[in-house]
Amino acid sequence: MSKIQEEIARGNKAAEVLRNPAFEEAFEVLHNHYLETWQNTHPDEAETREKIFIAINVLKDIRANIESVMTTGKLAGEEGSKAFH
């Protein structure tokens, strides 16, 4: 399998993950849980709020990474199709 084919395959897998209802639900449940936990903290729980902030940003980073893999796969597909024309 060529490098372009590998990138396309990875991109397709990433797209499948992002379209997966279980994945989307897991992200939504976690995000809502973190926000609710943050909203219920007391003023003296700054460390807890910082940990929640980090957790929310990790969720964003995971999604961004998967989206990046998907985009790379799409671009590889476009490059591959140009090479064959």
C-alpha atoms as a PDB file:
ATOM      1  CA  MET A   1       0.000   0.000   0.000  1.00  0.00           C
ATOM      2  CA  SER A   2       1.391   3.392  -1.000  1.00  0.00           C
ATOM      3  CA  LYS A   3       1.770   6.321   1.369  1.00  0.00           C
ATOM      4  CA  ILE A   4      -1.193   8.081  -0.273  1.00  0.00           C
ATOM      5  CA  GLN A   5      -3.344   4.964   0.044  1.00  0.00           C
ATOM      6  CA  GLU A   6      -2.399   4.680   3.725  1.00  0.00           C
ATOM      7  CA  GLU A   7      -3.342   8.324   4.349  1.00  0.00           C
ATOM      8  CA  ILE A   8      -6.660   7.843   2.540  1.00  0.00           C
ATOM      9  CA  ALA A   9      -7.414   4.722   4.587  1.00  0.00           C
ATOM     10  CA  ARG A  10      -6.541   6.499   7.852  1.00  0.00           C
ATOM     11  CA  GLY A  11      -8.710   9.439   6.829  1.00  0.00           C
ATOM     12  CA  ASN A  12     -11.619   7.151   6.071  1.00  0.00           C
ATOM     13  CA  LYS A  13     -11.277   5.448   9.456  1.00  0.00           C
ATOM     14  CA  ALA A  14     -11.162   8.829  11.180  1.00  0.00           C
ATOM     15  CA  ALA A  15     -14.312   9.909   9.345  1.00  0.00           C
ATOM     16  CA  GLU A  16     -16.032   6.702  10.473  1.00  0.00           C
ATOM     17  CA  VAL A  17     -15.120   7.474  14.084  1.00  0.00           C
ATOM     18  CA  LEU A  18     -16.462  11.024  13.848  1.00  0.00           C
ATOM     19  CA  ARG A  19     -19.728   9.798  12.309  1.00  0.00           C
ATOM     20  CA  ASN A  20     -20.145   7.053  14.909  1.00  0.00           C
ATOM     21  CA  PRO A  21     -23.128   7.880  17.155  1.00  0.00           C
ATOM     22  CA  ALA A  22     -21.512   6.151  20.148  1.00  0.00           C
ATOM     23  CA  PHE A  23     -18.412   8.312  19.781  1.00  0.00           C
ATOM     24  CA  GLU A  24     -20.469  11.482  19.481  1.00  0.00           C
ATOM     25  CA  GLU A  25     -22.566  10.501  22.488  1.00  0.00           C
ATOM     26  CA  ALA A  26     -19.486   9.745  24.582  1.00  0.00           C
ATOM     27  CA  PHE A  27     -18.020  13.163  23.814  1.00  0.00           C
ATOM     28  CA  GLU A  28     -21.289  14.908  24.561  1.00  0.00           C
ATOM     29  CA  VAL A  29     -21.797  13.026  27.839  1.00  0.00           C
ATOM     30  CA  LEU A  30     -18.252  13.758  29.006  1.00  0.00           C
ATOM     31  CA  HIS A  31     -18.389  17.407  27.978  1.00  0.00           C
ATOM     32  CA  ASN A  32     -21.718  17.920  29.755  1.00  0.00           C
ATOM     33  CA  HIS A  33     -20.450  16.078  32.829  1.00  0.00           C
ATOM     34  CA  TYR A  34     -17.361  18.279  32.999  1.00  0.00           C
ATOM     35  CA  LEU A  35     -19.412  21.466  32.602  1.00  0.00           C
ATOM     36  CA  GLU A  36     -21.906  20.405  35.246  1.00  0.00           C
ATOM     37  CA  THR A  37     -19.119  19.472  37.638  1.00  0.00           C
ATOM     38  CA  TRP A  38     -17.419  22.818  36.989  1.00  0.00           C
ATOM     39  CA  GLN A  39     -20.665  24.718  37.601  1.00  0.00           C
ATOM     40  CA  ASN A  40     -21.141  22.938  40.935  1.00  0.00           C
ATOM     41  CA  THR A  41     -17.704  23.733  42.319  1.00  0.00           C
ATOM     42  CA  HIS A  42     -17.323  26.018  45.298  1.00  0.00           C
ATOM     43  CA  PRO A  43     -15.218  29.185  45.125  1.00  0.00           C
ATOM     44  CA  ASP A  44     -12.389  27.515  47.042  1.00  0.00           C
ATOM     45  CA  GLU A  45     -12.088  24.622  44.540  1.00  0.00           C
ATOM     46  CA  ALA A  46      -9.799  26.324  42.038  1.00  0.00           C
ATOM     47  CA  GLU A  47      -7.676  23.187  41.580  1.00  0.00           C
ATOM     48  CA  THR A  48     -10.764  21.142  40.686  1.00  0.00           C
ATOM     49  CA  ARG A  49     -11.833  23.757  38.132  1.00  0.00           C
ATOM     50  CA  GLU A  50      -8.361  23.723  36.590  1.00  0.00           C
ATOM     51  CA  LYS A  51      -8.487  19.938  36.236  1.00  0.00           C
ATOM     52  CA  ILE A  52     -11.903  20.189  34.579  1.00  0.00           C
ATOM     53  CA  PHE A  53     -10.555  22.878  32.252  1.00  0.00           C
ATOM     54  CA  ILE A  54      -7.758  20.525  31.231  1.00  0.00           C
ATOM     55  CA  ALA A  55     -10.195  17.636  30.709  1.00  0.00           C
ATOM     56  CA  ILE A  56     -12.428  19.738  28.444  1.00  0.00           C
ATOM     57  CA  ASN A  57      -9.401  20.831  26.425  1.00  0.00           C
ATOM     58  CA  VAL A  58      -8.191  17.245  26.090  1.00  0.00           C
ATOM     59  CA  LEU A  59     -11.589  16.340  24.603  1.00  0.00           C
ATOM     60  CA  LYS A  60     -11.189  19.185  22.106  1.00  0.00           C
ATOM     61  CA  ASP A  61      -7.646  18.044  21.272  1.00  0.00           C
ATOM     62  CA  ILE A  62      -8.769  14.468  20.640  1.00  0.00           C
ATOM     63  CA  ARG A  63     -11.532  15.599  18.295  1.00  0.00           C
ATOM     64  CA  ALA A  64      -9.185  18.032  16.519  1.00  0.00           C
ATOM     65  CA  ASN A  65      -6.605  15.290  16.011  1.00  0.00           C
ATOM     66  CA  ILE A  66      -9.156  12.898  14.518  1.00  0.00           C
ATOM     67  CA  GLU A  67     -10.472  15.685  12.275  1.00  0.00           C
ATOM     68  CA  SER A  68      -6.904  16.410  11.170  1.00  0.00           C
ATOM     69  CA  VAL A  69      -6.347  12.764  10.215  1.00  0.00           C
ATOM     70  CA  MET A  70      -9.623  12.821   8.270  1.00  0.00           C
ATOM     71  CA  THR A  71      -8.644  16.026   6.448  1.00  0.00           C
ATOM     72  CA  THR A  72      -5.201  14.657   5.619  1.00  0.00           C
ATOM     73  CA  GLY A  73      -6.882  11.593   4.128  1.00  0.00           C
ATOM     74  CA  LYS A  74      -9.182  13.753   2.003  1.00  0.00           C
ATOM     75  CA  LEU A  75      -6.256  15.807   0.757  1.00  0.00           C
ATOM     76  CA  ALA A  76      -4.318  12.635  -0.029  1.00  0.00           C
ATOM     77  CA  GLY A  77      -7.310  11.392  -1.995  1.00  0.00           C
ATOM     78  CA  GLU A  78      -7.387  14.607  -3.991  1.00  0.00           C
ATOM     79  CA  GLU A  79      -3.640  14.345  -4.655  1.00  0.00           C
ATOM     80  CA  GLY A  80      -4.019  10.714  -5.643  1.00  0.00           C
ATOM     81  CA  SER A  81      -6.802  11.491  -8.092  1.00  0.00           C
ATOM     82  CA  LYS A  82      -4.744  14.313  -9.635  1.00  0.00           C
ATOM     83  CA  ALA A  83      -1.839  11.937 -10.115  1.00  0.00           C
ATOM     84  CA  PHE A  84      -4.034   9.536 -12.098  1.00  0.00           C
ATOM     85  CA  HIS A  85      -5.393  12.209 -14.467  1.00  0.00           C
END
